[in-house]
Amino acid sequence: MDLYDVMRSTAAVREFTDEPLPDETLHRMLDAARFAPSGGNRQGTRVIVVRDGATRGRLAELNEPAVRRYVAQIKAGQSPWNPLEAPLPSAEEIEATAVPEQFTRPVLTAAAVLVVCVDLGVVAAMDQHLDRIGLVGGASVYPLVWNILLAARAEGFGGTITTMAVAEEPAVRELLGIPPQYAVAAVLPLGRPVQQVTRLRRRPVEDFVTRDRFDGEAF
């Protein structure tokens, strides 16, 4: 596929057929994705391929606490899990919120689930002392995550970036034997899409790109 076509048609895939994702195909995807950039080219990522059903079942369970808050905040009119506001729903309301199946099903039905981790000892987090949530360290892991999804699209497979389980990172570490120095960055369910979306809707360039300043004219 043409690169631009892949970029324009790599959707968030959450519904999969029962077709397997062969190890050879997954290896080919990862072999291409590994050329993603990272800080200082230190390549501090680790990818765990999870196929075991019981392990995936536990990963799905670990999504649930974060999903409850996510859904409760949306119902309350908030942008969920945003770092600028405390949740409007109470802890009791969040705990009583039902977990929609769509948030756990992909981890259970995907052909494979990848858990992507990054070694915090080799991440250059220049924003670590700023008075806000840190983001910069993600530059050493999320290019790889996105490359994996682009490679999946090129192979006729698909997936999505999920992060709900990250809220329960200590339990994820224990489940998968991840050392404390590593952060869990994403959980990627991968498989053959039930429906391959080819037309995505996104804001036009003029809506989010400006010249010279944040409040400059639209590009």
N, C-alpha and C. Protein backbone atom coordinates (compact mmCIF):
# COMPACT_ATOMS: atom_id res chain seq x y z
N MET A 1 0.83 -1.20 0.00
CA MET A 1 0.00 0.00 0.00
C MET A 1 0.86 1.25 0.00
N ASP A 2 0.37 2.31 -0.63
CA ASP A 2 1.02 3.60 -0.59
C ASP A 2 1.03 4.12 0.85
N LEU A 3 2.14 4.76 1.26
CA LEU A 3 2.27 5.23 2.63
C LEU A 3 1.13 6.16 3.03
N TYR A 4 0.79 7.11 2.17
CA TYR A 4 -0.28 8.03 2.50
C TYR A 4 -1.62 7.31 2.64
N ASP A 5 -1.84 6.30 1.83
CA ASP A 5 -3.09 5.52 1.94
C ASP A 5 -3.15 4.81 3.30
N VAL A 6 -2.02 4.27 3.72
CA VAL A 6 -1.97 3.60 5.02
C VAL A 6 -2.26 4.61 6.14
N MET A 7 -1.65 5.78 6.05
CA MET A 7 -1.86 6.80 7.09
C MET A 7 -3.31 7.27 7.14
N ARG A 8 -3.94 7.35 5.98
CA ARG A 8 -5.32 7.86 5.92
C ARG A 8 -6.36 6.79 6.24
N SER A 9 -5.96 5.54 6.37
CA SER A 9 -6.96 4.48 6.55
C SER A 9 -6.66 3.56 7.72
N THR A 10 -5.74 3.97 8.59
CA THR A 10 -5.44 3.17 9.78
C THR A 10 -6.39 3.60 10.89
N ALA A 11 -7.48 2.87 10.99
CA ALA A 11 -8.53 3.20 11.96
C ALA A 11 -8.28 2.47 13.28
N ALA A 12 -9.01 2.89 14.30
CA ALA A 12 -9.01 2.17 15.58
C ALA A 12 -9.93 0.96 15.44
N VAL A 13 -9.35 -0.23 15.38
CA VAL A 13 -10.11 -1.46 15.15
C VAL A 13 -10.33 -2.17 16.47
N ARG A 14 -11.60 -2.43 16.78
CA ARG A 14 -11.95 -3.08 18.04
C ARG A 14 -12.76 -4.34 17.85
N GLU A 15 -13.17 -4.64 16.62
CA GLU A 15 -13.94 -5.84 16.34
C GLU A 15 -13.17 -6.71 15.36
N PHE A 16 -12.93 -7.95 15.76
CA PHE A 16 -12.06 -8.83 15.00
C PHE A 16 -12.78 -10.11 14.58
N THR A 17 -12.36 -10.65 13.44
CA THR A 17 -12.80 -11.98 13.05
C THR A 17 -12.04 -13.00 13.89
N ASP A 18 -12.33 -14.27 13.69
CA ASP A 18 -11.60 -15.31 14.42
C ASP A 18 -10.37 -15.79 13.67
N GLU A 19 -9.97 -15.06 12.61
CA GLU A 19 -8.77 -15.43 11.86
C GLU A 19 -7.53 -15.21 12.72
N PRO A 20 -6.62 -16.16 12.74
CA PRO A 20 -5.41 -15.98 13.55
C PRO A 20 -4.45 -14.96 12.93
N LEU A 21 -3.58 -14.44 13.76
CA LEU A 21 -2.47 -13.60 13.31
C LEU A 21 -1.21 -14.43 13.46
N PRO A 22 -0.70 -15.00 12.35
CA PRO A 22 0.45 -15.90 12.46
C PRO A 22 1.68 -15.21 13.03
N ASP A 23 2.51 -15.99 13.72
CA ASP A 23 3.74 -15.44 14.28
C ASP A 23 4.61 -14.81 13.19
N GLU A 24 4.64 -15.45 12.00
CA GLU A 24 5.49 -14.93 10.93
C GLU A 24 5.04 -13.53 10.50
N THR A 25 3.71 -13.34 10.42
CA THR A 25 3.18 -12.03 10.03
C THR A 25 3.45 -11.00 11.11
N LEU A 26 3.21 -11.38 12.35
CA LEU A 26 3.46 -10.46 13.46
C LEU A 26 4.94 -10.10 13.54
N HIS A 27 5.81 -11.07 13.33
CA HIS A 27 7.25 -10.79 13.34
C HIS A 27 7.61 -9.80 12.24
N ARG A 28 7.02 -9.96 11.06
CA ARG A 28 7.29 -9.05 9.95
C ARG A 28 6.83 -7.63 10.30
N MET A 29 5.68 -7.52 10.94
CA MET A 29 5.18 -6.21 11.36
C MET A 29 6.13 -5.56 12.36
N LEU A 30 6.56 -6.33 13.34
CA LEU A 30 7.46 -5.80 14.37
C LEU A 30 8.84 -5.48 13.80
N ASP A 31 9.25 -6.27 12.82
CA ASP A 31 10.55 -6.05 12.19
C ASP A 31 10.58 -4.71 11.45
N ALA A 32 9.44 -4.32 10.88
CA ALA A 32 9.36 -3.01 10.23
C ALA A 32 9.17 -1.90 11.26
N ALA A 33 8.32 -2.15 12.27
CA ALA A 33 7.99 -1.13 13.26
C ALA A 33 9.19 -0.72 14.10
N ARG A 34 10.17 -1.61 14.25
CA ARG A 34 11.30 -1.34 15.15
C ARG A 34 12.17 -0.17 14.70
N PHE A 35 11.96 0.29 13.46
CA PHE A 35 12.75 1.42 12.97
C PHE A 35 12.18 2.77 13.42
N ALA A 36 11.18 2.74 14.30
CA ALA A 36 10.66 3.98 14.88
C ALA A 36 11.76 4.69 15.66
N PRO A 37 11.73 6.02 15.69
CA PRO A 37 12.75 6.75 16.45
C PRO A 37 12.50 6.66 17.96
N SER A 38 13.56 6.87 18.71
CA SER A 38 13.46 6.96 20.17
C SER A 38 14.55 7.91 20.64
N GLY A 39 14.39 8.45 21.87
CA GLY A 39 15.35 9.41 22.38
C GLY A 39 16.76 8.86 22.39
N GLY A 40 17.68 9.55 21.71
CA GLY A 40 19.07 9.11 21.65
C GLY A 40 19.25 7.77 20.97
N ASN A 41 18.24 7.31 20.25
CA ASN A 41 18.23 5.98 19.63
C ASN A 41 18.53 4.89 20.66
N ARG A 42 18.04 5.10 21.91
CA ARG A 42 18.34 4.14 22.96
C ARG A 42 17.42 2.92 22.92
N GLN A 43 16.32 3.01 22.21
CA GLN A 43 15.47 1.85 21.95
C GLN A 43 15.13 1.07 23.23
N GLY A 44 14.58 1.82 24.19
CA GLY A 44 14.32 1.23 25.50
C GLY A 44 12.97 0.55 25.63
N THR A 45 12.40 0.11 24.52
CA THR A 45 11.08 -0.51 24.56
C THR A 45 11.17 -2.02 24.72
N ARG A 46 10.10 -2.57 25.28
CA ARG A 46 9.93 -4.03 25.36
C ARG A 46 8.48 -4.33 25.00
N VAL A 47 8.28 -5.29 24.10
CA VAL A 47 6.94 -5.68 23.66
C VAL A 47 6.69 -7.11 24.11
N ILE A 48 5.56 -7.31 24.79
CA ILE A 48 5.17 -8.65 25.25
C ILE A 48 3.98 -9.09 24.40
N VAL A 49 4.14 -10.21 23.70
CA VAL A 49 3.06 -10.77 22.89
C VAL A 49 2.25 -11.72 23.77
N VAL A 50 1.00 -11.36 24.03
CA VAL A 50 0.15 -12.14 24.93
C VAL A 50 -0.90 -12.88 24.11
N ARG A 51 -0.82 -14.20 24.13
CA ARG A 51 -1.83 -15.02 23.47
C ARG A 51 -2.61 -15.87 24.48
N ASP A 52 -2.05 -16.09 25.64
CA ASP A 52 -2.68 -16.92 26.65
C ASP A 52 -4.04 -16.35 27.07
N GLY A 53 -5.06 -17.18 27.04
CA GLY A 53 -6.42 -16.73 27.31
C GLY A 53 -6.62 -16.23 28.73
N ALA A 54 -6.05 -16.92 29.70
CA ALA A 54 -6.22 -16.52 31.10
C ALA A 54 -5.55 -15.17 31.36
N THR A 55 -4.38 -14.99 30.79
CA THR A 55 -3.67 -13.72 30.97
C THR A 55 -4.46 -12.58 30.33
N ARG A 56 -5.01 -12.82 29.17
CA ARG A 56 -5.80 -11.79 28.50
C ARG A 56 -7.08 -11.49 29.29
N GLY A 57 -7.65 -12.53 29.89
CA GLY A 57 -8.82 -12.31 30.73
C GLY A 57 -8.51 -11.41 31.90
N ARG A 58 -7.35 -11.59 32.50
CA ARG A 58 -6.95 -10.74 33.62
C ARG A 58 -6.67 -9.32 33.15
N LEU A 59 -6.04 -9.15 31.97
CA LEU A 59 -5.82 -7.82 31.41
C LEU A 59 -7.15 -7.10 31.20
N ALA A 60 -8.13 -7.84 30.70
CA ALA A 60 -9.46 -7.24 30.50
C ALA A 60 -10.05 -6.77 31.83
N GLU A 61 -9.89 -7.57 32.88
CA GLU A 61 -10.38 -7.18 34.21
C GLU A 61 -9.67 -5.92 34.70
N LEU A 62 -8.39 -5.80 34.40
CA LEU A 62 -7.64 -4.64 34.86
C LEU A 62 -8.03 -3.36 34.12
N ASN A 63 -8.74 -3.49 33.02
CA ASN A 63 -9.29 -2.31 32.35
C ASN A 63 -10.43 -1.68 33.15
N GLU A 64 -11.13 -2.48 33.92
CA GLU A 64 -12.43 -2.08 34.44
C GLU A 64 -12.41 -0.86 35.37
N PRO A 65 -11.48 -0.74 36.34
CA PRO A 65 -11.52 0.45 37.19
C PRO A 65 -11.41 1.76 36.41
N ALA A 66 -10.51 1.80 35.43
CA ALA A 66 -10.34 3.02 34.64
C ALA A 66 -11.56 3.27 33.76
N VAL A 67 -12.14 2.20 33.25
CA VAL A 67 -13.33 2.34 32.40
C VAL A 67 -14.48 2.94 33.21
N ARG A 68 -14.65 2.49 34.45
CA ARG A 68 -15.74 3.02 35.29
C ARG A 68 -15.62 4.54 35.43
N ARG A 69 -14.42 5.01 35.73
CA ARG A 69 -14.25 6.47 35.84
C ARG A 69 -14.48 7.13 34.48
N TYR A 70 -13.97 6.55 33.43
CA TYR A 70 -14.11 7.09 32.07
C TYR A 70 -15.59 7.29 31.72
N VAL A 71 -16.38 6.24 31.92
CA VAL A 71 -17.79 6.30 31.57
C VAL A 71 -18.54 7.26 32.48
N ALA A 72 -18.23 7.22 33.79
CA ALA A 72 -18.92 8.10 34.74
C ALA A 72 -18.65 9.57 34.43
N GLN A 73 -17.43 9.89 34.07
CA GLN A 73 -17.10 11.28 33.77
C GLN A 73 -17.78 11.75 32.48
N ILE A 74 -17.85 10.88 31.49
CA ILE A 74 -18.56 11.25 30.25
C ILE A 74 -20.02 11.54 30.56
N LYS A 75 -20.64 10.69 31.37
CA LYS A 75 -22.04 10.91 31.74
C LYS A 75 -22.23 12.21 32.50
N ALA A 76 -21.19 12.63 33.22
CA ALA A 76 -21.25 13.87 33.97
C ALA A 76 -20.88 15.09 33.13
N GLY A 77 -20.57 14.86 31.84
CA GLY A 77 -20.24 15.97 30.96
C GLY A 77 -18.78 16.39 30.98
N GLN A 78 -17.92 15.54 31.53
CA GLN A 78 -16.50 15.85 31.59
C GLN A 78 -15.73 15.14 30.50
N SER A 79 -14.58 15.71 30.14
CA SER A 79 -13.63 14.99 29.31
C SER A 79 -12.93 13.98 30.23
N PRO A 80 -13.09 12.67 29.97
CA PRO A 80 -12.65 11.68 30.97
C PRO A 80 -11.15 11.62 31.15
N TRP A 81 -10.76 11.46 32.40
CA TRP A 81 -9.38 11.29 32.81
C TRP A 81 -8.50 12.48 32.43
N ASN A 82 -9.10 13.64 32.19
CA ASN A 82 -8.24 14.79 31.88
C ASN A 82 -7.53 15.23 33.17
N PRO A 83 -6.28 15.68 33.06
CA PRO A 83 -5.49 15.96 34.27
C PRO A 83 -5.74 17.33 34.88
N LEU A 84 -6.68 18.10 34.34
CA LEU A 84 -6.91 19.46 34.83
C LEU A 84 -8.07 19.56 35.80
N GLU A 85 -8.93 18.55 35.84
CA GLU A 85 -10.12 18.60 36.69
C GLU A 85 -10.25 17.32 37.49
N ALA A 86 -10.67 17.44 38.71
CA ALA A 86 -11.03 16.26 39.50
C ALA A 86 -12.35 15.72 38.96
N PRO A 87 -12.58 14.42 39.09
CA PRO A 87 -13.85 13.86 38.60
C PRO A 87 -15.05 14.48 39.32
N LEU A 88 -16.07 14.82 38.56
CA LEU A 88 -17.32 15.29 39.17
C LEU A 88 -18.06 14.15 39.87
N PRO A 89 -18.12 12.95 39.30
CA PRO A 89 -18.79 11.86 40.01
C PRO A 89 -18.01 11.48 41.27
N SER A 90 -18.71 11.08 42.30
CA SER A 90 -18.06 10.63 43.53
C SER A 90 -17.42 9.26 43.32
N ALA A 91 -16.57 8.89 44.26
CA ALA A 91 -15.93 7.57 44.20
C ALA A 91 -16.99 6.47 44.21
N GLU A 92 -18.05 6.68 44.97
CA GLU A 92 -19.13 5.69 45.04
C GLU A 92 -19.86 5.59 43.71
N GLU A 93 -20.09 6.74 43.06
CA GLU A 93 -20.76 6.73 41.76
C GLU A 93 -19.90 6.05 40.70
N ILE A 94 -18.61 6.32 40.76
CA ILE A 94 -17.70 5.68 39.80
C ILE A 94 -17.70 4.17 40.01
N GLU A 95 -17.61 3.74 41.25
CA GLU A 95 -17.57 2.30 41.55
C GLU A 95 -18.84 1.61 41.11
N ALA A 96 -19.97 2.31 41.12
CA ALA A 96 -21.25 1.71 40.74
C ALA A 96 -21.52 1.76 39.24
N THR A 97 -20.61 2.36 38.46
CA THR A 97 -20.80 2.50 37.02
C THR A 97 -20.53 1.17 36.32
N ALA A 98 -21.41 0.79 35.45
CA ALA A 98 -21.24 -0.47 34.69
C ALA A 98 -20.13 -0.31 33.65
N VAL A 99 -19.46 -1.41 33.36
CA VAL A 99 -18.38 -1.42 32.37
C VAL A 99 -18.93 -1.94 31.04
N PRO A 100 -19.06 -1.08 30.02
CA PRO A 100 -19.54 -1.55 28.73
C PRO A 100 -18.60 -2.61 28.13
N GLU A 101 -19.18 -3.62 27.53
CA GLU A 101 -18.39 -4.73 26.99
C GLU A 101 -17.37 -4.27 25.96
N GLN A 102 -17.66 -3.18 25.25
CA GLN A 102 -16.78 -2.72 24.18
C GLN A 102 -15.39 -2.36 24.68
N PHE A 103 -15.26 -2.09 25.98
CA PHE A 103 -13.97 -1.72 26.53
C PHE A 103 -13.11 -2.94 26.91
N THR A 104 -13.71 -4.07 27.05
CA THR A 104 -12.95 -5.27 27.44
C THR A 104 -12.91 -6.33 26.33
N ARG A 105 -13.92 -6.33 25.47
CA ARG A 105 -14.01 -7.37 24.44
C ARG A 105 -12.79 -7.43 23.52
N PRO A 106 -12.23 -6.30 23.05
CA PRO A 106 -11.10 -6.40 22.13
C PRO A 106 -9.92 -7.20 22.68
N VAL A 107 -9.63 -7.05 23.96
CA VAL A 107 -8.52 -7.78 24.56
C VAL A 107 -8.79 -9.29 24.58
N LEU A 108 -10.06 -9.65 24.65
CA LEU A 108 -10.44 -11.06 24.71
C LEU A 108 -10.57 -11.71 23.34
N THR A 109 -10.94 -10.92 22.33
CA THR A 109 -11.25 -11.50 21.02
C THR A 109 -10.16 -11.28 19.97
N ALA A 110 -9.17 -10.45 20.26
CA ALA A 110 -8.09 -10.21 19.30
C ALA A 110 -7.28 -11.48 19.08
N ALA A 111 -6.63 -11.55 17.94
CA ALA A 111 -5.77 -12.70 17.64
C ALA A 111 -4.53 -12.70 18.52
N ALA A 112 -4.07 -11.51 18.87
CA ALA A 112 -2.92 -11.36 19.77
C ALA A 112 -3.04 -10.01 20.47
N VAL A 113 -2.48 -9.91 21.64
CA VAL A 113 -2.46 -8.65 22.38
C VAL A 113 -1.01 -8.31 22.69
N LEU A 114 -0.61 -7.10 22.32
CA LEU A 114 0.75 -6.65 22.61
C LEU A 114 0.71 -5.67 23.78
N VAL A 115 1.57 -5.90 24.75
CA VAL A 115 1.75 -4.95 25.84
C VAL A 115 3.10 -4.28 25.63
N VAL A 116 3.08 -2.96 25.43
CA VAL A 116 4.29 -2.22 25.09
C VAL A 116 4.77 -1.46 26.32
N CYS A 117 6.02 -1.68 26.68
CA CYS A 117 6.62 -1.06 27.86
C CYS A 117 7.84 -0.25 27.44
N VAL A 118 8.24 0.68 28.30
CA VAL A 118 9.45 1.47 28.03
C VAL A 118 10.26 1.60 29.31
N ASP A 119 11.57 1.48 29.16
CA ASP A 119 12.51 1.59 30.26
C ASP A 119 12.67 3.06 30.64
N LEU A 120 12.19 3.43 31.82
CA LEU A 120 12.26 4.84 32.24
C LEU A 120 13.70 5.31 32.47
N GLY A 121 14.61 4.38 32.59
CA GLY A 121 16.01 4.74 32.79
C GLY A 121 16.68 5.27 31.55
N VAL A 122 16.07 5.09 30.38
CA VAL A 122 16.67 5.60 29.14
C VAL A 122 15.75 6.59 28.43
N VAL A 123 14.71 7.05 29.12
CA VAL A 123 13.79 8.04 28.56
C VAL A 123 14.26 9.45 28.95
N ALA A 124 14.33 10.33 27.97
CA ALA A 124 14.69 11.73 28.22
C ALA A 124 13.40 12.52 28.44
N ALA A 125 13.03 12.71 29.70
CA ALA A 125 11.77 13.39 30.04
C ALA A 125 12.07 14.83 30.43
N MET A 126 12.26 15.67 29.41
CA MET A 126 12.63 17.07 29.67
C MET A 126 11.55 17.86 30.40
N ASP A 127 10.35 17.33 30.46
CA ASP A 127 9.25 18.04 31.13
C ASP A 127 8.99 17.53 32.54
N GLN A 128 9.93 16.77 33.09
CA GLN A 128 9.67 16.12 34.38
C GLN A 128 9.52 17.10 35.54
N HIS A 129 10.04 18.32 35.41
CA HIS A 129 9.94 19.29 36.51
C HIS A 129 8.89 20.36 36.24
N LEU A 130 8.17 20.26 35.15
CA LEU A 130 7.12 21.24 34.88
C LEU A 130 5.89 20.92 35.72
N ASP A 131 5.10 21.93 35.95
CA ASP A 131 3.91 21.78 36.79
C ASP A 131 2.74 21.30 35.94
N ARG A 132 2.90 20.13 35.38
CA ARG A 132 1.84 19.50 34.59
C ARG A 132 2.18 18.03 34.41
N ILE A 133 1.24 17.29 33.84
CA ILE A 133 1.47 15.87 33.55
C ILE A 133 2.60 15.74 32.54
N GLY A 134 3.53 14.82 32.76
CA GLY A 134 4.62 14.59 31.83
C GLY A 134 4.17 13.93 30.54
N LEU A 135 4.69 14.40 29.41
CA LEU A 135 4.35 13.86 28.10
C LEU A 135 5.57 13.48 27.27
N VAL A 136 6.65 14.21 27.44
CA VAL A 136 7.77 14.12 26.51
C VAL A 136 8.38 12.72 26.46
N GLY A 137 8.41 12.02 27.59
CA GLY A 137 8.98 10.67 27.59
C GLY A 137 8.29 9.73 26.61
N GLY A 138 7.03 10.01 26.30
CA GLY A 138 6.31 9.17 25.35
C GLY A 138 6.89 9.19 23.96
N ALA A 139 7.72 10.20 23.66
CA ALA A 139 8.35 10.27 22.33
C ALA A 139 9.27 9.08 22.08
N SER A 140 9.68 8.39 23.15
CA SER A 140 10.57 7.24 22.99
C SER A 140 9.83 5.92 22.87
N VAL A 141 8.49 5.95 22.90
CA VAL A 141 7.75 4.69 22.82
C VAL A 141 6.57 4.75 21.84
N TYR A 142 5.86 5.88 21.79
CA TYR A 142 4.64 5.91 20.98
C TYR A 142 4.89 5.90 19.47
N PRO A 143 6.03 6.39 18.97
CA PRO A 143 6.29 6.16 17.55
C PRO A 143 6.34 4.68 17.20
N LEU A 144 6.89 3.85 18.06
CA LEU A 144 6.90 2.41 17.83
C LEU A 144 5.48 1.86 17.85
N VAL A 145 4.68 2.29 18.82
CA VAL A 145 3.30 1.82 18.92
C VAL A 145 2.54 2.13 17.63
N TRP A 146 2.69 3.36 17.15
CA TRP A 146 1.97 3.72 15.92
C TRP A 146 2.51 2.99 14.71
N ASN A 147 3.83 2.77 14.65
CA ASN A 147 4.39 1.99 13.55
C ASN A 147 3.81 0.58 13.52
N ILE A 148 3.58 0.00 14.69
CA ILE A 148 2.98 -1.34 14.73
C ILE A 148 1.59 -1.32 14.11
N LEU A 149 0.81 -0.30 14.42
CA LEU A 149 -0.55 -0.21 13.86
C LEU A 149 -0.52 0.07 12.37
N LEU A 150 0.44 0.88 11.91
CA LEU A 150 0.59 1.11 10.47
C LEU A 150 0.98 -0.19 9.76
N ALA A 151 1.88 -0.94 10.37
CA ALA A 151 2.29 -2.22 9.78
C ALA A 151 1.13 -3.20 9.75
N ALA A 152 0.32 -3.20 10.82
CA ALA A 152 -0.86 -4.06 10.84
C ALA A 152 -1.80 -3.72 9.69
N ARG A 153 -2.02 -2.43 9.46
CA ARG A 153 -2.89 -2.01 8.35
C ARG A 153 -2.32 -2.48 7.01
N ALA A 154 -1.02 -2.35 6.83
CA ALA A 154 -0.40 -2.77 5.57
C ALA A 154 -0.55 -4.27 5.34
N GLU A 155 -0.66 -5.04 6.43
CA GLU A 155 -0.81 -6.50 6.33
C GLU A 155 -2.27 -6.93 6.28
N GLY A 156 -3.20 -5.97 6.31
CA GLY A 156 -4.62 -6.31 6.30
C GLY A 156 -5.19 -6.62 7.67
N PHE A 157 -4.40 -6.33 8.72
CA PHE A 157 -4.87 -6.51 10.09
C PHE A 157 -5.13 -5.13 10.70
N GLY A 158 -5.47 -5.09 11.95
CA GLY A 158 -5.74 -3.82 12.59
C GLY A 158 -5.72 -3.95 14.09
N GLY A 159 -5.85 -2.83 14.76
CA GLY A 159 -5.85 -2.82 16.22
C GLY A 159 -6.10 -1.42 16.72
N THR A 160 -5.87 -1.23 17.99
CA THR A 160 -6.08 0.10 18.57
C THR A 160 -5.19 0.26 19.78
N ILE A 161 -4.87 1.50 20.10
CA ILE A 161 -4.12 1.81 21.31
C ILE A 161 -5.09 1.85 22.48
N THR A 162 -4.92 0.99 23.46
CA THR A 162 -5.71 1.07 24.68
C THR A 162 -4.78 1.35 25.85
N THR A 163 -5.28 2.12 26.80
CA THR A 163 -4.45 2.52 27.95
C THR A 163 -5.18 2.36 29.27
N MET A 164 -6.38 1.81 29.26
CA MET A 164 -7.15 1.68 30.50
C MET A 164 -6.41 0.86 31.55
N ALA A 165 -5.74 -0.20 31.13
CA ALA A 165 -5.04 -1.06 32.09
C ALA A 165 -3.85 -0.36 32.74
N VAL A 166 -3.35 0.72 32.10
CA VAL A 166 -2.20 1.42 32.65
C VAL A 166 -2.51 2.02 34.02
N ALA A 167 -3.77 2.37 34.25
CA ALA A 167 -4.15 2.91 35.56
C ALA A 167 -3.91 1.90 36.67
N GLU A 168 -3.84 0.63 36.30
CA GLU A 168 -3.57 -0.45 37.27
C GLU A 168 -2.18 -1.03 37.02
N GLU A 169 -1.23 -0.17 36.71
CA GLU A 169 0.11 -0.63 36.30
C GLU A 169 0.77 -1.60 37.29
N PRO A 170 0.71 -1.39 38.59
CA PRO A 170 1.35 -2.36 39.48
C PRO A 170 0.82 -3.78 39.29
N ALA A 171 -0.48 -3.91 39.07
CA ALA A 171 -1.06 -5.23 38.85
C ALA A 171 -0.65 -5.80 37.50
N VAL A 172 -0.53 -4.93 36.49
CA VAL A 172 -0.08 -5.38 35.17
C VAL A 172 1.37 -5.86 35.27
N ARG A 173 2.19 -5.12 36.00
CA ARG A 173 3.58 -5.54 36.20
C ARG A 173 3.65 -6.92 36.84
N GLU A 174 2.86 -7.12 37.87
CA GLU A 174 2.86 -8.41 38.57
C GLU A 174 2.40 -9.53 37.64
N LEU A 175 1.36 -9.26 36.86
CA LEU A 175 0.80 -10.26 35.95
C LEU A 175 1.81 -10.72 34.91
N LEU A 176 2.59 -9.77 34.38
CA LEU A 176 3.47 -10.07 33.25
C LEU A 176 4.95 -10.10 33.61
N GLY A 177 5.27 -9.93 34.88
CA GLY A 177 6.67 -9.98 35.30
C GLY A 177 7.48 -8.80 34.81
N ILE A 178 6.89 -7.62 34.76
CA ILE A 178 7.55 -6.42 34.26
C ILE A 178 8.34 -5.77 35.40
N PRO A 179 9.62 -5.49 35.19
CA PRO A 179 10.43 -4.86 36.25
C PRO A 179 9.92 -3.45 36.58
N PRO A 180 10.17 -2.98 37.82
CA PRO A 180 9.67 -1.65 38.24
C PRO A 180 10.21 -0.50 37.40
N GLN A 181 11.36 -0.69 36.78
CA GLN A 181 11.96 0.40 35.99
C GLN A 181 11.18 0.66 34.69
N TYR A 182 10.33 -0.27 34.30
CA TYR A 182 9.58 -0.13 33.05
C TYR A 182 8.18 0.41 33.31
N ALA A 183 7.75 1.33 32.45
CA ALA A 183 6.38 1.82 32.46
C ALA A 183 5.58 1.12 31.38
N VAL A 184 4.34 0.83 31.67
CA VAL A 184 3.44 0.27 30.66
C VAL A 184 2.87 1.43 29.86
N ALA A 185 3.10 1.43 28.56
CA ALA A 185 2.69 2.55 27.71
C ALA A 185 1.38 2.29 26.99
N ALA A 186 1.13 1.03 26.59
CA ALA A 186 -0.07 0.75 25.80
C ALA A 186 -0.32 -0.74 25.74
N VAL A 187 -1.58 -1.07 25.55
CA VAL A 187 -2.00 -2.45 25.29
C VAL A 187 -2.67 -2.44 23.91
N LEU A 188 -2.14 -3.25 22.98
CA LEU A 188 -2.64 -3.24 21.60
C LEU A 188 -3.29 -4.58 21.26
N PRO A 189 -4.62 -4.64 21.19
CA PRO A 189 -5.26 -5.83 20.63
C PRO A 189 -5.11 -5.78 19.10
N LEU A 190 -4.72 -6.89 18.49
CA LEU A 190 -4.51 -6.96 17.04
C LEU A 190 -5.27 -8.14 16.45
N GLY A 191 -5.81 -7.94 15.27
CA GLY A 191 -6.49 -9.03 14.58
C GLY A 191 -7.00 -8.57 13.23
N ARG A 192 -7.71 -9.48 12.56
CA ARG A 192 -8.31 -9.15 11.26
C ARG A 192 -9.61 -8.39 11.51
N PRO A 193 -9.75 -7.17 10.98
CA PRO A 193 -10.97 -6.40 11.23
C PRO A 193 -12.21 -7.07 10.67
N VAL A 194 -13.32 -7.00 11.41
CA VAL A 194 -14.60 -7.44 10.86
C VAL A 194 -14.96 -6.57 9.67
N GLN A 195 -14.67 -5.28 9.78
CA GLN A 195 -14.91 -4.35 8.68
C GLN A 195 -13.71 -3.41 8.57
N GLN A 196 -13.12 -3.34 7.38
CA GLN A 196 -11.98 -2.46 7.18
C GLN A 196 -12.46 -1.08 6.76
N VAL A 197 -12.33 -0.14 7.65
CA VAL A 197 -12.72 1.24 7.35
C VAL A 197 -11.65 1.87 6.46
N THR A 198 -12.07 2.55 5.41
CA THR A 198 -11.11 3.18 4.50
C THR A 198 -11.24 4.69 4.45
N ARG A 199 -12.31 5.24 5.02
CA ARG A 199 -12.49 6.69 5.05
C ARG A 199 -12.64 7.15 6.50
N LEU A 200 -11.65 7.88 6.97
CA LEU A 200 -11.67 8.37 8.33
C LEU A 200 -12.04 9.85 8.35
N ARG A 201 -12.67 10.27 9.43
CA ARG A 201 -13.03 11.68 9.59
C ARG A 201 -12.10 12.34 10.59
N ARG A 202 -11.43 13.37 10.16
CA ARG A 202 -10.54 14.14 11.02
C ARG A 202 -10.70 15.63 10.73
N ARG A 203 -10.31 16.46 11.66
CA ARG A 203 -10.35 17.91 11.46
C ARG A 203 -9.41 18.29 10.31
N PRO A 204 -9.80 19.29 9.51
CA PRO A 204 -8.90 19.76 8.45
C PRO A 204 -7.68 20.44 9.03
N VAL A 205 -6.61 20.50 8.24
CA VAL A 205 -5.36 21.12 8.68
C VAL A 205 -5.58 22.53 9.21
N GLU A 206 -6.44 23.28 8.53
CA GLU A 206 -6.67 24.67 8.90
C GLU A 206 -7.24 24.82 10.31
N ASP A 207 -7.82 23.76 10.84
CA ASP A 207 -8.42 23.82 12.17
C ASP A 207 -7.41 23.71 13.31
N PHE A 208 -6.23 23.15 13.04
CA PHE A 208 -5.31 22.92 14.15
C PHE A 208 -3.86 23.31 13.87
N VAL A 209 -3.60 23.91 12.70
CA VAL A 209 -2.23 24.35 12.37
C VAL A 209 -2.25 25.86 12.13
N THR A 210 -1.34 26.57 12.81
CA THR A 210 -1.26 28.02 12.66
C THR A 210 0.16 28.44 12.30
N ARG A 211 0.30 29.66 11.82
CA ARG A 211 1.61 30.19 11.44
C ARG A 211 2.23 30.98 12.59
N ASP A 212 3.46 30.64 12.92
CA ASP A 212 4.34 31.41 13.81
C ASP A 212 3.94 31.45 15.29
N ARG A 213 2.64 31.48 15.62
CA ARG A 213 2.19 31.52 16.99
C ARG A 213 0.96 30.65 17.18
N PHE A 214 0.67 30.32 18.45
CA PHE A 214 -0.53 29.52 18.74
C PHE A 214 -1.76 30.23 18.24
N ASP A 215 -1.78 31.58 18.38
CA ASP A 215 -2.94 32.35 17.92
C ASP A 215 -2.71 32.98 16.55
N GLY A 216 -1.75 32.41 15.79
CA GLY A 216 -1.47 32.93 14.45
C GLY A 216 -2.56 32.53 13.46
N GLU A 217 -2.40 33.02 12.22
CA GLU A 217 -3.38 32.70 11.20
C GLU A 217 -3.31 31.22 10.83
N ALA A 218 -4.43 30.70 10.36
CA ALA A 218 -4.48 29.29 9.98
C ALA A 218 -3.52 29.01 8.84
N PHE A 219 -2.90 27.86 8.90
CA PHE A 219 -1.94 27.46 7.86
C PHE A 219 -2.69 26.95 6.64
